[in-house]
PDB file of N, CA and C in Angstrom:
ATOM      1  N   MET A   1       0.847  -1.180   0.000  1.00  0.00           N
ATOM      2  CA  MET A   1       0.000   0.000   0.000  1.00  0.00           C
ATOM      3  C   MET A   1       0.889   1.239   0.000  1.00  0.00           C
ATOM      4  N   GLY A   2       0.636   2.170  -0.886  1.00  0.00           N
ATOM      5  CA  GLY A   2       1.435   3.383  -1.018  1.00  0.00           C
ATOM      6  C   GLY A   2       0.934   4.503  -0.123  1.00  0.00           C
ATOM      7  N   GLN A   3       1.683   5.563  -0.132  1.00  0.00           N
ATOM      8  CA  GLN A   3       1.323   6.739   0.648  1.00  0.00           C
ATOM      9  C   GLN A   3       0.375   7.627  -0.149  1.00  0.00           C
ATOM     10  N   THR A   4      -0.439   8.348   0.579  1.00  0.00           N
ATOM     11  CA  THR A   4      -1.239   9.379  -0.063  1.00  0.00           C
ATOM     12  C   THR A   4      -0.356  10.616  -0.253  1.00  0.00           C
ATOM     13  N   ASP A   5      -0.811  11.534  -1.069  1.00  0.00           N
ATOM     14  CA  ASP A   5      -0.075  12.783  -1.247  1.00  0.00           C
ATOM     15  C   ASP A   5       0.110  13.497   0.079  1.00  0.00           C
ATOM     16  N   SER A   6      -0.912  13.480   0.897  1.00  0.00           N
ATOM     17  CA  SER A   6      -0.863  14.146   2.194  1.00  0.00           C
ATOM     18  C   SER A   6       0.185  13.515   3.104  1.00  0.00           C
ATOM     19  N   GLN A   7       0.263  12.199   3.124  1.00  0.00           N
ATOM     20  CA  GLN A   7       1.255  11.506   3.943  1.00  0.00           C
ATOM     21  C   GLN A   7       2.665  11.793   3.438  1.00  0.00           C
ATOM     22  N   PHE A   8       2.840  11.812   2.125  1.00  0.00           N
ATOM     23  CA  PHE A   8       4.142  12.100   1.553  1.00  0.00           C
ATOM     24  C   PHE A   8       4.580  13.518   1.896  1.00  0.00           C
ATOM     25  N   LYS A   9       3.666  14.477   1.803  1.00  0.00           N
ATOM     26  CA  LYS A   9       3.981  15.859   2.147  1.00  0.00           C
ATOM     27  C   LYS A   9       4.363  15.986   3.619  1.00  0.00           C
ATOM     28  N   ALA A  10       3.691  15.244   4.490  1.00  0.00           N
ATOM     29  CA  ALA A  10       4.034  15.265   5.913  1.00  0.00           C
ATOM     30  C   ALA A  10       5.454  14.732   6.120  1.00  0.00           C
ATOM     31  N   PHE A  11       5.796  13.672   5.412  1.00  0.00           N
ATOM     32  CA  PHE A  11       7.142  13.105   5.501  1.00  0.00           C
ATOM     33  C   PHE A  11       8.187  14.138   5.063  1.00  0.00           C
ATOM     34  N   ILE A  12       7.915  14.828   3.969  1.00  0.00           N
ATOM     35  CA  ILE A  12       8.835  15.854   3.474  1.00  0.00           C
ATOM     36  C   ILE A  12       8.967  16.985   4.485  1.00  0.00           C
ATOM     37  N   ARG A  13       7.868  17.350   5.144  1.00  0.00           N
ATOM     38  CA  ARG A  13       7.924  18.406   6.163  1.00  0.00           C
ATOM     39  C   ARG A  13       8.850  18.012   7.310  1.00  0.00           C
ATOM     40  N   PHE A  14       8.798  16.737   7.734  1.00  0.00           N
ATOM     41  CA  PHE A  14       9.685  16.268   8.797  1.00  0.00           C
ATOM     42  C   PHE A  14      11.147  16.375   8.370  1.00  0.00           C
ATOM     43  N   ILE A  15      11.442  15.962   7.151  1.00  0.00           N
ATOM     44  CA  ILE A  15      12.808  16.035   6.652  1.00  0.00           C
ATOM     45  C   ILE A  15      13.258  17.487   6.544  1.00  0.00           C
ATOM     46  N   LEU A  16      12.403  18.336   6.020  1.00  0.00           N
ATOM     47  CA  LEU A  16      12.722  19.753   5.887  1.00  0.00           C
ATOM     48  C   LEU A  16      12.992  20.394   7.243  1.00  0.00           C
ATOM     49  N   ASP A  17      12.189  20.061   8.225  1.00  0.00           N
ATOM     50  CA  ASP A  17      12.386  20.583   9.575  1.00  0.00           C
ATOM     51  C   ASP A  17      13.732  20.138  10.136  1.00  0.00           C
ATOM     52  N   ASP A  18      14.058  18.871   9.949  1.00  0.00           N
ATOM     53  CA  ASP A  18      15.360  18.359  10.405  1.00  0.00           C
ATOM     54  C   ASP A  18      16.512  19.081   9.708  1.00  0.00           C
ATOM     55  N   MET A  19      16.375  19.329   8.427  1.00  0.00           N
ATOM     56  CA  MET A  19      17.429  19.996   7.676  1.00  0.00           C
ATOM     57  C   MET A  19      17.594  21.452   8.123  1.00  0.00           C
ATOM     58  N   LYS A  20      16.503  22.131   8.412  1.00  0.00           N
ATOM     59  CA  LYS A  20      16.583  23.513   8.904  1.00  0.00           C
ATOM     60  C   LYS A  20      17.274  23.551  10.266  1.00  0.00           C
ATOM     61  N   GLU A  21      16.928  22.591  11.118  1.00  0.00           N
ATOM     62  CA  GLU A  21      17.563  22.497  12.435  1.00  0.00           C
ATOM     63  C   GLU A  21      19.059  22.241  12.276  1.00  0.00           C
ATOM     64  N   LEU A  22      19.404  21.388  11.352  1.00  0.00           N
ATOM     65  CA  LEU A  22      20.805  21.062  11.077  1.00  0.00           C
ATOM     66  C   LEU A  22      21.573  22.291  10.603  1.00  0.00           C
ATOM     67  N   ARG A  23      20.969  23.085   9.767  1.00  0.00           N
ATOM     68  CA  ARG A  23      21.609  24.287   9.236  1.00  0.00           C
ATOM     69  C   ARG A  23      21.976  25.262  10.350  1.00  0.00           C
ATOM     70  N   GLU A  24      21.179  25.280  11.417  1.00  0.00           N
ATOM     71  CA  GLU A  24      21.406  26.209  12.526  1.00  0.00           C
ATOM     72  C   GLU A  24      22.407  25.688  13.558  1.00  0.00           C
ATOM     73  N   GLU A  25      22.742  24.410  13.490  1.00  0.00           N
ATOM     74  CA  GLU A  25      23.645  23.802  14.475  1.00  0.00           C
ATOM     75  C   GLU A  25      25.077  24.269  14.237  1.00  0.00           C
ATOM     76  N   THR A  26      25.708  24.783  15.278  1.00  0.00           N
ATOM     77  CA  THR A  26      27.085  25.265  15.159  1.00  0.00           C
ATOM     78  C   THR A  26      28.107  24.275  15.702  1.00  0.00           C
ATOM     79  N   ASP A  27      27.698  23.424  16.615  1.00  0.00           N
ATOM     80  CA  ASP A  27      28.602  22.417  17.184  1.00  0.00           C
ATOM     81  C   ASP A  27      28.779  21.278  16.176  1.00  0.00           C
ATOM     82  N   GLU A  28      30.011  21.075  15.731  1.00  0.00           N
ATOM     83  CA  GLU A  28      30.272  20.081  14.682  1.00  0.00           C
ATOM     84  C   GLU A  28      29.928  18.653  15.105  1.00  0.00           C
ATOM     85  N   ASP A  29      30.150  18.313  16.373  1.00  0.00           N
ATOM     86  CA  ASP A  29      29.813  16.963  16.833  1.00  0.00           C
ATOM     87  C   ASP A  29      28.305  16.745  16.816  1.00  0.00           C
ATOM     88  N   LYS A  30      27.563  17.724  17.304  1.00  0.00           N
ATOM     89  CA  LYS A  30      26.096  17.622  17.291  1.00  0.00           C
ATOM     90  C   LYS A  30      25.578  17.601  15.861  1.00  0.00           C
ATOM     91  N   ARG A  31      26.213  18.384  15.009  1.00  0.00           N
ATOM     92  CA  ARG A  31      25.811  18.433  13.603  1.00  0.00           C
ATOM     93  C   ARG A  31      25.997  17.056  12.955  1.00  0.00           C
ATOM     94  N   ALA A  32      27.123  16.432  13.215  1.00  0.00           N
ATOM     95  CA  ALA A  32      27.399  15.097  12.669  1.00  0.00           C
ATOM     96  C   ALA A  32      26.389  14.074  13.192  1.00  0.00           C
ATOM     97  N   GLU A  33      26.038  14.167  14.469  1.00  0.00           N
ATOM     98  CA  GLU A  33      25.040  13.262  15.052  1.00  0.00           C
ATOM     99  C   GLU A  33      23.689  13.444  14.373  1.00  0.00           C
ATOM    100  N   LYS A  34      23.308  14.688  14.129  1.00  0.00           N
ATOM    101  CA  LYS A  34      22.024  14.961  13.482  1.00  0.00           C
ATOM    102  C   LYS A  34      22.010  14.456  12.043  1.00  0.00           C
ATOM    103  N   ILE A  35      23.125  14.633  11.346  1.00  0.00           N
ATOM    104  CA  ILE A  35      23.219  14.112   9.979  1.00  0.00           C
ATOM    105  C   ILE A  35      23.061  12.600   9.996  1.00  0.00           C
ATOM    106  N   ASP A  36      23.751  11.932  10.922  1.00  0.00           N
ATOM    107  CA  ASP A  36      23.642  10.476  11.039  1.00  0.00           C
ATOM    108  C   ASP A  36      22.206  10.053  11.321  1.00  0.00           C
ATOM    109  N   ARG A  37      21.511  10.804  12.185  1.00  0.00           N
ATOM    110  CA  ARG A  37      20.120  10.482  12.522  1.00  0.00           C
ATOM    111  C   ARG A  37      19.223  10.619  11.300  1.00  0.00           C
ATOM    112  N   ILE A  38      19.404  11.692  10.536  1.00  0.00           N
ATOM    113  CA  ILE A  38      18.600  11.896   9.338  1.00  0.00           C
ATOM    114  C   ILE A  38      18.851  10.784   8.328  1.00  0.00           C
ATOM    115  N   VAL A  39      20.119  10.463   8.111  1.00  0.00           N
ATOM    116  CA  VAL A  39      20.475   9.400   7.166  1.00  0.00           C
ATOM    117  C   VAL A  39      19.884   8.066   7.615  1.00  0.00           C
ATOM    118  N   ASP A  40      19.992   7.750   8.892  1.00  0.00           N
ATOM    119  CA  ASP A  40      19.430   6.497   9.412  1.00  0.00           C
ATOM    120  C   ASP A  40      17.914   6.447   9.207  1.00  0.00           C
ATOM    121  N   ASN A  41      17.236   7.551   9.490  1.00  0.00           N
ATOM    122  CA  ASN A  41      15.782   7.587   9.313  1.00  0.00           C
ATOM    123  C   ASN A  41      15.387   7.405   7.852  1.00  0.00           C
ATOM    124  N   LEU A  42      16.118   8.044   6.952  1.00  0.00           N
ATOM    125  CA  LEU A  42      15.832   7.886   5.530  1.00  0.00           C
ATOM    126  C   LEU A  42      16.088   6.451   5.072  1.00  0.00           C
ATOM    127  N   GLN A  43      17.175   5.858   5.565  1.00  0.00           N
ATOM    128  CA  GLN A  43      17.481   4.470   5.195  1.00  0.00           C
ATOM    129  C   GLN A  43      16.403   3.516   5.680  1.00  0.00           C
ATOM    130  N   LYS A  44      15.945   3.710   6.916  1.00  0.00           N
ATOM    131  CA  LYS A  44      14.880   2.859   7.459  1.00  0.00           C
ATOM    132  C   LYS A  44      13.602   3.009   6.664  1.00  0.00           C
ATOM    133  N   THR A  45      13.325   4.219   6.220  1.00  0.00           N
ATOM    134  CA  THR A  45      12.118   4.459   5.412  1.00  0.00           C
ATOM    135  C   THR A  45      12.204   3.699   4.093  1.00  0.00           C
ATOM    136  N   LEU A  46      13.378   3.702   3.487  1.00  0.00           N
ATOM    137  CA  LEU A  46      13.551   2.964   2.225  1.00  0.00           C
ATOM    138  C   LEU A  46      13.398   1.459   2.412  1.00  0.00           C
ATOM    139  N   GLU A  47      13.783   0.955   3.567  1.00  0.00           N
ATOM    140  CA  GLU A  47      13.759  -0.480   3.821  1.00  0.00           C
ATOM    141  C   GLU A  47      12.377  -0.987   4.208  1.00  0.00           C
ATOM    142  N   ASP A  48      11.494  -0.085   4.619  1.00  0.00           N
ATOM    143  CA  ASP A  48      10.141  -0.517   5.024  1.00  0.00           C
ATOM    144  C   ASP A  48       9.318  -0.943   3.849  1.00  0.00           C
TER     145      ASP A  48
END
């Protein structure tokens, strides 16, 4: 079963929010952790 347009847009909003938060992060270690979290979440989404 696929996603509706509304569900897909919600998913994109979550990613966009994470990316905006990442852009504001100045601590390089925290930034790397956030990048890893985003990548892991995207990978898990692809595997579902």
